[in-house]
């Protein structure tokens, strides 16, 4: 199965491959550019979901042979007085159906939160704060905070697995089949 992913981030590409493989599907992952106009740092659950959906739909359009388009978007959502980093995955198919999943979330450190809420990308803030480059393309902030016990790859993989769940044959009768 050809699966287009609206990202060139190796963590996201590996996560999609891993998630599909977890269910015995060999996915040929095709990276495509992220759609223009998306915020660099999505804030709010609705915005994060819309960005993931947009990525999924645009990935499917960009790779004509793809059966699925996947969008993975991380952002900050403030819930119950806490601001958390959450990863949302959306999977779009040629029928127009979109399914969603979320990965585990973690509380954004207060020391980084102010800049995030002003629209600065969390990865860039973390790189500056920790004095290390490419954190987002490696273990992610969660990997730094947990000393690699949980990484961005883990969060992305979990989100894609959750977005795949409604599509699994043994769940077919539980979800609406299409748009």
N, C-alpha and C. Protein backbone atom coordinates (compact mmCIF):
# COMPACT_ATOMS: atom_id res chain seq x y z
N UNK A 1 0.85 -1.17 0.00
CA UNK A 1 0.00 0.00 0.00
C UNK A 1 0.89 1.24 0.00
N UNK A 2 0.56 2.18 -0.85
CA UNK A 2 1.30 3.44 -0.89
C UNK A 2 0.60 4.43 0.04
N UNK A 3 1.40 4.99 0.96
CA UNK A 3 0.89 5.93 1.95
C UNK A 3 1.69 7.22 1.84
N UNK A 4 1.02 8.29 1.51
CA UNK A 4 1.68 9.60 1.41
C UNK A 4 1.61 10.29 2.76
N UNK A 5 2.72 10.91 3.14
CA UNK A 5 2.80 11.61 4.42
C UNK A 5 3.22 13.05 4.16
N UNK A 6 2.46 13.99 4.67
CA UNK A 6 2.73 15.41 4.44
C UNK A 6 3.80 15.90 5.40
N UNK A 7 5.00 15.36 5.21
CA UNK A 7 6.14 15.75 6.03
C UNK A 7 7.39 15.12 5.45
N UNK A 8 8.50 15.72 5.74
CA UNK A 8 9.79 15.12 5.40
C UNK A 8 10.58 14.81 6.68
N UNK A 9 9.92 14.99 7.82
CA UNK A 9 10.54 14.71 9.11
C UNK A 9 10.70 13.19 9.27
N UNK A 10 11.92 12.71 9.46
CA UNK A 10 12.13 11.26 9.55
C UNK A 10 11.34 10.60 10.68
N UNK A 11 11.10 11.30 11.77
CA UNK A 11 10.30 10.74 12.86
C UNK A 11 8.88 10.42 12.40
N UNK A 12 8.29 11.33 11.66
CA UNK A 12 6.92 11.12 11.18
C UNK A 12 6.88 10.00 10.15
N UNK A 13 7.84 9.95 9.27
CA UNK A 13 7.87 8.91 8.24
C UNK A 13 8.05 7.53 8.86
N UNK A 14 8.96 7.41 9.81
CA UNK A 14 9.18 6.12 10.50
C UNK A 14 7.94 5.72 11.31
N UNK A 15 7.29 6.71 11.92
CA UNK A 15 6.10 6.42 12.73
C UNK A 15 4.99 5.82 11.87
N UNK A 16 4.79 6.35 10.68
CA UNK A 16 3.75 5.83 9.79
C UNK A 16 4.10 4.40 9.39
N UNK A 17 5.34 4.19 9.02
CA UNK A 17 5.78 2.84 8.64
C UNK A 17 5.56 1.85 9.79
N UNK A 18 5.95 2.24 10.98
CA UNK A 18 5.80 1.39 12.18
C UNK A 18 4.33 1.09 12.48
N UNK A 19 3.50 2.12 12.41
CA UNK A 19 2.08 1.95 12.76
C UNK A 19 1.40 0.99 11.80
N UNK A 20 1.62 1.14 10.51
CA UNK A 20 1.01 0.24 9.54
C UNK A 20 1.56 -1.18 9.73
N UNK A 21 2.86 -1.28 9.96
CA UNK A 21 3.48 -2.60 10.17
C UNK A 21 2.91 -3.30 11.39
N UNK A 22 2.52 -2.54 12.42
CA UNK A 22 1.95 -3.12 13.64
C UNK A 22 0.69 -3.94 13.33
N UNK A 23 0.04 -3.61 12.21
CA UNK A 23 -1.17 -4.33 11.82
C UNK A 23 -0.94 -5.19 10.57
N UNK A 24 0.33 -5.45 10.28
CA UNK A 24 0.67 -6.35 9.17
C UNK A 24 0.55 -5.74 7.79
N UNK A 25 0.52 -4.43 7.71
CA UNK A 25 0.42 -3.75 6.42
C UNK A 25 1.78 -3.19 6.05
N UNK A 26 2.29 -3.62 4.90
CA UNK A 26 3.55 -3.06 4.41
C UNK A 26 3.24 -1.76 3.68
N UNK A 27 3.62 -0.69 4.29
CA UNK A 27 3.34 0.62 3.70
C UNK A 27 4.59 1.14 3.01
N UNK A 28 4.41 1.54 1.77
CA UNK A 28 5.47 2.26 1.07
C UNK A 28 5.21 3.74 1.35
N UNK A 29 6.00 4.30 2.24
CA UNK A 29 5.77 5.67 2.72
C UNK A 29 6.42 6.65 1.74
N UNK A 30 5.60 7.58 1.26
CA UNK A 30 6.04 8.58 0.30
C UNK A 30 5.93 9.96 0.96
N UNK A 31 7.07 10.61 1.21
CA UNK A 31 6.99 11.95 1.81
C UNK A 31 6.62 13.00 0.77
N UNK A 32 5.76 13.92 1.17
CA UNK A 32 5.42 15.07 0.33
C UNK A 32 5.51 16.32 1.20
N UNK A 33 5.58 17.46 0.56
CA UNK A 33 5.70 18.71 1.31
C UNK A 33 4.45 18.99 2.12
N UNK A 34 4.65 19.65 3.26
CA UNK A 34 3.52 20.07 4.08
C UNK A 34 2.77 21.15 3.32
N UNK A 35 1.46 21.20 3.50
CA UNK A 35 0.68 22.23 2.79
C UNK A 35 1.09 23.63 3.25
N UNK A 36 1.08 24.59 2.34
CA UNK A 36 1.40 25.96 2.73
C UNK A 36 0.28 26.55 3.59
N UNK A 37 0.64 27.54 4.38
CA UNK A 37 -0.36 28.27 5.14
C UNK A 37 -0.70 27.70 6.51
N UNK A 38 -0.13 26.55 6.86
CA UNK A 38 -0.39 26.01 8.19
C UNK A 38 0.46 26.75 9.22
N UNK A 39 -0.06 26.95 10.43
CA UNK A 39 0.74 27.62 11.45
C UNK A 39 1.96 26.77 11.82
N UNK A 40 3.06 27.40 12.09
CA UNK A 40 4.27 26.68 12.51
C UNK A 40 4.05 26.05 13.89
N UNK A 41 3.26 26.74 14.73
CA UNK A 41 2.97 26.22 16.07
C UNK A 41 1.47 26.27 16.30
N UNK A 42 0.78 25.18 16.00
CA UNK A 42 -0.67 25.18 16.24
C UNK A 42 -0.97 25.23 17.74
N UNK A 43 -1.94 26.05 18.10
CA UNK A 43 -2.38 26.16 19.49
C UNK A 43 -3.89 25.95 19.52
N UNK A 44 -4.33 25.02 20.34
CA UNK A 44 -5.74 24.71 20.47
C UNK A 44 -6.08 23.40 19.78
N UNK A 45 -6.91 22.61 20.41
CA UNK A 45 -7.25 21.28 19.89
C UNK A 45 -7.85 21.37 18.49
N UNK A 46 -8.79 22.28 18.27
CA UNK A 46 -9.42 22.38 16.95
C UNK A 46 -8.40 22.73 15.87
N UNK A 47 -7.48 23.61 16.17
CA UNK A 47 -6.46 24.01 15.19
C UNK A 47 -5.54 22.83 14.89
N UNK A 48 -5.13 22.10 15.91
CA UNK A 48 -4.23 20.95 15.71
C UNK A 48 -4.92 19.91 14.83
N UNK A 49 -6.18 19.62 15.11
CA UNK A 49 -6.93 18.64 14.31
C UNK A 49 -7.07 19.11 12.87
N UNK A 50 -7.43 20.37 12.67
CA UNK A 50 -7.58 20.91 11.31
C UNK A 50 -6.26 20.82 10.54
N UNK A 51 -5.16 21.09 11.20
CA UNK A 51 -3.85 21.00 10.54
C UNK A 51 -3.54 19.55 10.16
N UNK A 52 -3.81 18.60 11.04
CA UNK A 52 -3.58 17.19 10.73
C UNK A 52 -4.46 16.75 9.55
N UNK A 53 -5.73 17.15 9.57
CA UNK A 53 -6.65 16.82 8.46
C UNK A 53 -6.16 17.42 7.14
N UNK A 54 -5.75 18.66 7.18
CA UNK A 54 -5.26 19.33 5.98
C UNK A 54 -4.04 18.62 5.43
N UNK A 55 -3.12 18.26 6.31
CA UNK A 55 -1.93 17.52 5.87
C UNK A 55 -2.32 16.20 5.21
N UNK A 56 -3.26 15.48 5.81
CA UNK A 56 -3.66 14.17 5.28
C UNK A 56 -4.28 14.32 3.89
N UNK A 57 -5.20 15.24 3.76
CA UNK A 57 -5.89 15.43 2.47
C UNK A 57 -4.91 15.89 1.38
N UNK A 58 -4.05 16.82 1.75
CA UNK A 58 -3.09 17.34 0.77
C UNK A 58 -2.05 16.29 0.38
N UNK A 59 -1.66 15.44 1.34
CA UNK A 59 -0.71 14.36 1.02
C UNK A 59 -1.31 13.41 -0.01
N UNK A 60 -2.57 13.09 0.18
CA UNK A 60 -3.27 12.20 -0.75
C UNK A 60 -3.33 12.81 -2.15
N UNK A 61 -3.59 14.11 -2.24
CA UNK A 61 -3.63 14.79 -3.54
C UNK A 61 -2.26 14.83 -4.20
N UNK A 62 -1.22 15.03 -3.39
CA UNK A 62 0.13 15.21 -3.93
C UNK A 62 0.73 13.92 -4.47
N UNK A 63 0.31 12.79 -3.94
CA UNK A 63 0.85 11.50 -4.39
C UNK A 63 -0.32 10.72 -4.99
N UNK A 64 -0.51 10.86 -6.26
CA UNK A 64 -1.69 10.33 -6.96
C UNK A 64 -1.90 8.82 -6.78
N UNK A 65 -0.82 8.06 -6.63
CA UNK A 65 -0.96 6.60 -6.51
C UNK A 65 -1.26 6.15 -5.07
N UNK A 66 -1.23 7.08 -4.14
CA UNK A 66 -1.41 6.73 -2.73
C UNK A 66 -2.86 6.33 -2.44
N UNK A 67 -3.01 5.34 -1.57
CA UNK A 67 -4.33 4.93 -1.09
C UNK A 67 -4.71 5.71 0.16
N UNK A 68 -3.71 6.07 0.93
CA UNK A 68 -3.93 6.85 2.15
C UNK A 68 -3.02 8.07 2.14
N UNK A 69 -3.50 9.14 2.73
CA UNK A 69 -2.69 10.31 3.03
C UNK A 69 -2.69 10.48 4.53
N UNK A 70 -1.52 10.71 5.10
CA UNK A 70 -1.41 10.84 6.55
C UNK A 70 -0.88 12.23 6.89
N UNK A 71 -1.53 12.83 7.87
CA UNK A 71 -1.07 14.10 8.42
C UNK A 71 -0.83 13.91 9.90
N UNK A 72 0.33 14.31 10.36
CA UNK A 72 0.66 14.26 11.79
C UNK A 72 0.98 15.67 12.22
N UNK A 73 0.29 16.14 13.24
CA UNK A 73 0.50 17.50 13.73
C UNK A 73 0.58 17.50 15.24
N UNK A 74 1.63 18.11 15.75
CA UNK A 74 1.75 18.31 17.20
C UNK A 74 1.48 19.78 17.49
N UNK A 75 0.86 20.02 18.61
CA UNK A 75 0.57 21.39 19.00
C UNK A 75 0.27 21.45 20.48
N UNK A 76 -0.04 22.63 20.93
CA UNK A 76 -0.30 22.84 22.35
C UNK A 76 -1.78 23.12 22.55
N UNK A 77 -2.37 22.37 23.46
CA UNK A 77 -3.77 22.56 23.82
C UNK A 77 -3.85 22.80 25.32
N UNK A 78 -4.60 23.79 25.71
CA UNK A 78 -4.78 24.07 27.14
C UNK A 78 -6.12 23.49 27.57
N UNK A 79 -6.06 22.55 28.48
CA UNK A 79 -7.22 21.80 28.93
C UNK A 79 -7.24 21.78 30.45
N UNK A 80 -8.32 22.22 31.03
CA UNK A 80 -8.45 22.17 32.48
C UNK A 80 -7.37 22.94 33.22
N UNK A 81 -6.87 24.00 32.60
CA UNK A 81 -5.84 24.81 33.24
C UNK A 81 -4.41 24.33 33.01
N UNK A 82 -4.25 23.27 32.23
CA UNK A 82 -2.91 22.74 31.91
C UNK A 82 -2.68 22.87 30.42
N UNK A 83 -1.47 23.21 30.03
CA UNK A 83 -1.12 23.28 28.62
C UNK A 83 -0.26 22.07 28.29
N UNK A 84 -0.77 21.27 27.36
CA UNK A 84 -0.11 20.03 27.01
C UNK A 84 0.28 20.03 25.54
N UNK A 85 1.33 19.30 25.24
CA UNK A 85 1.73 19.05 23.87
C UNK A 85 1.04 17.76 23.45
N UNK A 86 0.25 17.83 22.40
CA UNK A 86 -0.49 16.65 21.94
C UNK A 86 -0.22 16.45 20.45
N UNK A 87 -0.13 15.19 20.06
CA UNK A 87 0.07 14.83 18.66
C UNK A 87 -1.21 14.24 18.12
N UNK A 88 -1.66 14.77 16.98
CA UNK A 88 -2.86 14.27 16.31
C UNK A 88 -2.43 13.72 14.96
N UNK A 89 -2.96 12.54 14.62
CA UNK A 89 -2.77 11.97 13.29
C UNK A 89 -4.11 11.88 12.60
N UNK A 90 -4.12 12.20 11.33
CA UNK A 90 -5.32 12.04 10.50
C UNK A 90 -4.93 11.17 9.31
N UNK A 91 -5.84 10.28 8.93
CA UNK A 91 -5.64 9.45 7.75
C UNK A 91 -6.82 9.68 6.82
N UNK A 92 -6.51 10.12 5.59
CA UNK A 92 -7.53 10.33 4.57
C UNK A 92 -7.38 9.25 3.51
N UNK A 93 -8.51 8.82 2.95
CA UNK A 93 -8.43 7.85 1.86
C UNK A 93 -9.13 8.40 0.62
N UNK A 94 -9.06 7.65 -0.47
CA UNK A 94 -9.58 8.14 -1.74
C UNK A 94 -11.09 8.32 -1.75
N UNK A 95 -11.80 7.70 -0.80
CA UNK A 95 -13.26 7.89 -0.72
C UNK A 95 -13.62 9.20 -0.03
N UNK A 96 -12.62 9.85 0.59
CA UNK A 96 -12.86 11.08 1.32
C UNK A 96 -12.98 10.88 2.82
N UNK A 97 -12.95 9.65 3.26
CA UNK A 97 -13.05 9.34 4.69
C UNK A 97 -11.77 9.78 5.41
N UNK A 98 -11.95 10.38 6.57
CA UNK A 98 -10.82 10.77 7.42
C UNK A 98 -11.04 10.16 8.80
N UNK A 99 -10.00 9.53 9.33
CA UNK A 99 -10.04 9.03 10.70
C UNK A 99 -8.94 9.71 11.49
N UNK A 100 -9.19 9.88 12.79
CA UNK A 100 -8.26 10.61 13.66
C UNK A 100 -7.77 9.76 14.81
N UNK A 101 -6.58 10.10 15.28
CA UNK A 101 -6.04 9.50 16.48
C UNK A 101 -5.15 10.49 17.19
N UNK A 102 -4.97 10.29 18.47
CA UNK A 102 -4.06 11.13 19.26
C UNK A 102 -3.08 10.23 19.97
N UNK A 103 -1.89 10.78 20.17
CA UNK A 103 -0.89 10.07 20.94
C UNK A 103 -0.90 10.56 22.37
N UNK A 104 -0.07 9.95 23.20
CA UNK A 104 0.06 10.45 24.57
C UNK A 104 0.48 11.92 24.55
N UNK A 105 0.06 12.65 25.54
CA UNK A 105 0.38 14.07 25.64
C UNK A 105 1.18 14.32 26.90
N UNK A 106 1.90 15.43 26.91
CA UNK A 106 2.68 15.78 28.10
C UNK A 106 2.57 17.27 28.36
N UNK A 107 2.75 17.64 29.62
CA UNK A 107 2.64 19.04 30.01
C UNK A 107 3.84 19.82 29.49
N UNK A 108 3.56 20.95 28.86
CA UNK A 108 4.63 21.81 28.34
C UNK A 108 5.28 22.53 29.52
N UNK A 109 6.61 22.50 29.61
CA UNK A 109 7.28 23.20 30.72
C UNK A 109 6.93 24.68 30.75
N UNK A 110 6.68 25.18 31.94
CA UNK A 110 6.35 26.60 32.11
C UNK A 110 7.43 27.50 31.52
N UNK A 111 8.69 27.08 31.61
CA UNK A 111 9.80 27.89 31.11
C UNK A 111 9.72 28.10 29.59
N UNK A 112 8.98 27.26 28.89
CA UNK A 112 8.88 27.35 27.43
C UNK A 112 7.53 27.85 26.95
N UNK A 113 6.56 27.85 27.83
CA UNK A 113 5.17 28.08 27.44
C UNK A 113 4.88 29.48 26.91
N UNK A 114 5.48 30.49 27.47
CA UNK A 114 5.20 31.87 27.05
C UNK A 114 5.47 32.09 25.57
N UNK A 115 6.63 31.64 25.10
CA UNK A 115 6.96 31.80 23.68
C UNK A 115 6.03 30.98 22.79
N UNK A 116 5.68 29.78 23.25
CA UNK A 116 4.76 28.94 22.48
C UNK A 116 3.44 29.66 22.28
N UNK A 117 2.92 30.25 23.33
CA UNK A 117 1.62 30.93 23.24
C UNK A 117 1.70 32.18 22.36
N UNK A 118 2.91 32.65 22.10
CA UNK A 118 3.10 33.77 21.17
C UNK A 118 3.33 33.28 19.75
N UNK A 119 3.22 31.96 19.53
CA UNK A 119 3.31 31.41 18.18
C UNK A 119 4.66 30.89 17.76
N UNK A 120 5.63 30.90 18.67
CA UNK A 120 6.96 30.38 18.34
C UNK A 120 6.89 28.86 18.42
N UNK A 121 7.50 28.20 17.43
CA UNK A 121 7.47 26.75 17.37
C UNK A 121 8.19 26.14 18.58
N UNK A 122 7.52 25.19 19.22
CA UNK A 122 8.05 24.56 20.44
C UNK A 122 9.42 23.93 20.21
N UNK A 123 9.61 23.29 19.07
CA UNK A 123 10.91 22.67 18.77
C UNK A 123 12.02 23.69 18.75
N UNK A 124 11.78 24.85 18.14
CA UNK A 124 12.79 25.91 18.08
C UNK A 124 13.10 26.45 19.47
N UNK A 125 12.06 26.58 20.28
CA UNK A 125 12.26 27.07 21.66
C UNK A 125 13.10 26.06 22.44
N UNK A 126 12.78 24.77 22.29
CA UNK A 126 13.52 23.72 23.01
C UNK A 126 14.98 23.69 22.56
N UNK A 127 15.22 23.84 21.27
CA UNK A 127 16.59 23.83 20.76
C UNK A 127 17.39 24.98 21.36
N UNK A 128 16.78 26.15 21.42
CA UNK A 128 17.45 27.31 22.00
C UNK A 128 17.66 27.11 23.50
N UNK A 129 16.64 26.61 24.19
CA UNK A 129 16.71 26.44 25.64
C UNK A 129 17.78 25.42 26.04
N UNK A 130 17.83 24.30 25.30
CA UNK A 130 18.77 23.23 25.64
C UNK A 130 20.11 23.35 24.91
N UNK A 131 20.21 24.29 23.96
CA UNK A 131 21.46 24.48 23.24
C UNK A 131 21.81 23.32 22.32
N UNK A 132 20.77 22.67 21.79
CA UNK A 132 20.97 21.52 20.89
C UNK A 132 20.10 21.70 19.66
N UNK A 133 20.64 21.37 18.51
CA UNK A 133 19.88 21.50 17.27
C UNK A 133 19.06 20.26 16.95
N UNK A 134 18.07 20.44 16.12
CA UNK A 134 17.25 19.37 15.53
C UNK A 134 16.58 18.46 16.56
N UNK A 135 16.21 18.98 17.69
CA UNK A 135 15.52 18.16 18.71
C UNK A 135 14.24 17.56 18.12
N UNK A 136 13.51 18.34 17.36
CA UNK A 136 12.25 17.87 16.78
C UNK A 136 12.43 16.77 15.74
N UNK A 137 13.58 16.70 15.14
CA UNK A 137 13.85 15.65 14.14
C UNK A 137 14.52 14.45 14.80
N UNK A 138 14.81 14.59 16.06
CA UNK A 138 15.42 13.48 16.80
C UNK A 138 14.42 12.97 17.83
N UNK A 139 14.75 13.12 19.11
CA UNK A 139 13.91 12.55 20.17
C UNK A 139 12.72 13.43 20.55
N UNK A 140 12.72 14.67 20.10
CA UNK A 140 11.65 15.59 20.45
C UNK A 140 11.81 16.09 21.88
N UNK A 141 11.04 17.10 22.21
CA UNK A 141 11.09 17.64 23.57
C UNK A 141 10.75 16.57 24.58
N UNK A 142 9.78 15.70 24.26
CA UNK A 142 9.41 14.64 25.19
C UNK A 142 10.61 13.73 25.47
N UNK A 143 11.43 13.49 24.47
CA UNK A 143 12.63 12.68 24.66
C UNK A 143 13.64 13.33 25.57
N UNK A 144 13.76 14.64 25.45
CA UNK A 144 14.66 15.38 26.34
C UNK A 144 14.13 15.33 27.77
N UNK A 145 12.82 15.58 27.91
CA UNK A 145 12.22 15.62 29.24
C UNK A 145 12.22 14.26 29.94
N UNK A 146 12.14 13.18 29.17
CA UNK A 146 12.09 11.83 29.77
C UNK A 146 13.41 11.08 29.65
N UNK A 147 14.43 11.79 29.18
CA UNK A 147 15.74 11.17 28.93
C UNK A 147 15.60 9.94 28.03
N UNK A 148 14.84 10.15 26.96
CA UNK A 148 14.62 9.18 25.88
C UNK A 148 13.82 7.94 26.26
N UNK A 149 13.20 7.97 27.42
CA UNK A 149 12.34 6.83 27.76
C UNK A 149 11.09 6.82 26.90
N UNK A 150 10.65 8.01 26.49
CA UNK A 150 9.58 8.19 25.52
C UNK A 150 10.10 9.22 24.53
N UNK A 151 9.94 8.95 23.24
CA UNK A 151 10.45 9.87 22.22
C UNK A 151 9.31 10.38 21.34
N UNK A 152 9.66 11.33 20.52
CA UNK A 152 8.67 11.86 19.57
C UNK A 152 8.21 10.75 18.62
N UNK A 153 9.11 9.86 18.26
CA UNK A 153 8.72 8.73 17.42
C UNK A 153 7.63 7.91 18.10
N UNK A 154 7.74 7.69 19.40
CA UNK A 154 6.71 6.95 20.13
C UNK A 154 5.36 7.67 20.08
N UNK A 155 5.36 8.98 20.29
CA UNK A 155 4.11 9.75 20.28
C UNK A 155 3.47 9.72 18.89
N UNK A 156 4.30 9.92 17.87
CA UNK A 156 3.78 9.90 16.50
C UNK A 156 3.23 8.53 16.14
N UNK A 157 3.95 7.48 16.50
CA UNK A 157 3.50 6.12 16.19
C UNK A 157 2.16 5.83 16.87
N UNK A 158 2.04 6.19 18.13
CA UNK A 158 0.78 5.96 18.86
C UNK A 158 -0.38 6.70 18.21
N UNK A 159 -0.15 7.93 17.79
CA UNK A 159 -1.22 8.71 17.16
C UNK A 159 -1.67 8.06 15.85
N UNK A 160 -0.73 7.59 15.05
CA UNK A 160 -1.09 6.95 13.78
C UNK A 160 -1.82 5.63 14.04
N UNK A 161 -1.36 4.86 15.00
CA UNK A 161 -2.06 3.61 15.35
C UNK A 161 -3.51 3.91 15.75
N UNK A 162 -3.71 4.94 16.53
CA UNK A 162 -5.08 5.29 16.94
C UNK A 162 -5.92 5.73 15.75
N UNK A 163 -5.31 6.42 14.78
CA UNK A 163 -6.05 6.84 13.58
C UNK A 163 -6.34 5.64 12.67
N UNK A 164 -5.53 4.61 12.74
CA UNK A 164 -5.77 3.39 11.96
C UNK A 164 -6.86 2.52 12.57
N UNK A 165 -7.07 2.60 13.88
CA UNK A 165 -8.00 1.69 14.57
C UNK A 165 -9.38 1.61 13.92
N UNK A 166 -10.00 2.73 13.54
CA UNK A 166 -11.32 2.62 12.90
C UNK A 166 -11.30 1.92 11.54
N UNK A 167 -10.12 1.81 10.94
CA UNK A 167 -9.99 1.23 9.60
C UNK A 167 -9.69 -0.27 9.64
N UNK A 168 -9.44 -0.81 10.80
CA UNK A 168 -9.07 -2.22 10.91
C UNK A 168 -10.28 -3.11 10.63
N UNK A 169 -10.06 -4.21 9.91
CA UNK A 169 -11.19 -5.07 9.52
C UNK A 169 -12.06 -5.51 10.70
N UNK A 170 -11.47 -5.80 11.83
CA UNK A 170 -12.26 -6.27 12.98
C UNK A 170 -13.04 -5.16 13.66
N UNK A 171 -12.85 -3.91 13.22
CA UNK A 171 -13.63 -2.79 13.74
C UNK A 171 -14.63 -2.24 12.73
N UNK A 172 -14.74 -2.90 11.59
CA UNK A 172 -15.53 -2.39 10.46
C UNK A 172 -16.96 -2.01 10.85
N UNK A 173 -17.61 -2.81 11.68
CA UNK A 173 -18.99 -2.52 12.03
C UNK A 173 -19.17 -1.45 13.09
N UNK A 174 -18.09 -0.95 13.62
CA UNK A 174 -18.18 0.01 14.73
C UNK A 174 -18.15 1.47 14.29
N UNK A 175 -17.68 1.73 13.08
CA UNK A 175 -17.51 3.10 12.59
C UNK A 175 -18.23 3.27 11.28
N UNK A 176 -18.66 4.49 11.00
CA UNK A 176 -19.27 4.80 9.71
C UNK A 176 -18.22 4.59 8.61
N UNK A 177 -18.61 4.03 7.48
CA UNK A 177 -17.65 3.66 6.46
C UNK A 177 -17.05 4.80 5.65
N UNK A 178 -17.67 5.94 5.57
CA UNK A 178 -17.13 6.99 4.72
C UNK A 178 -17.66 8.35 5.06
N UNK A 179 -17.40 9.28 4.13
CA UNK A 179 -17.76 10.68 4.39
C UNK A 179 -19.25 10.93 4.53
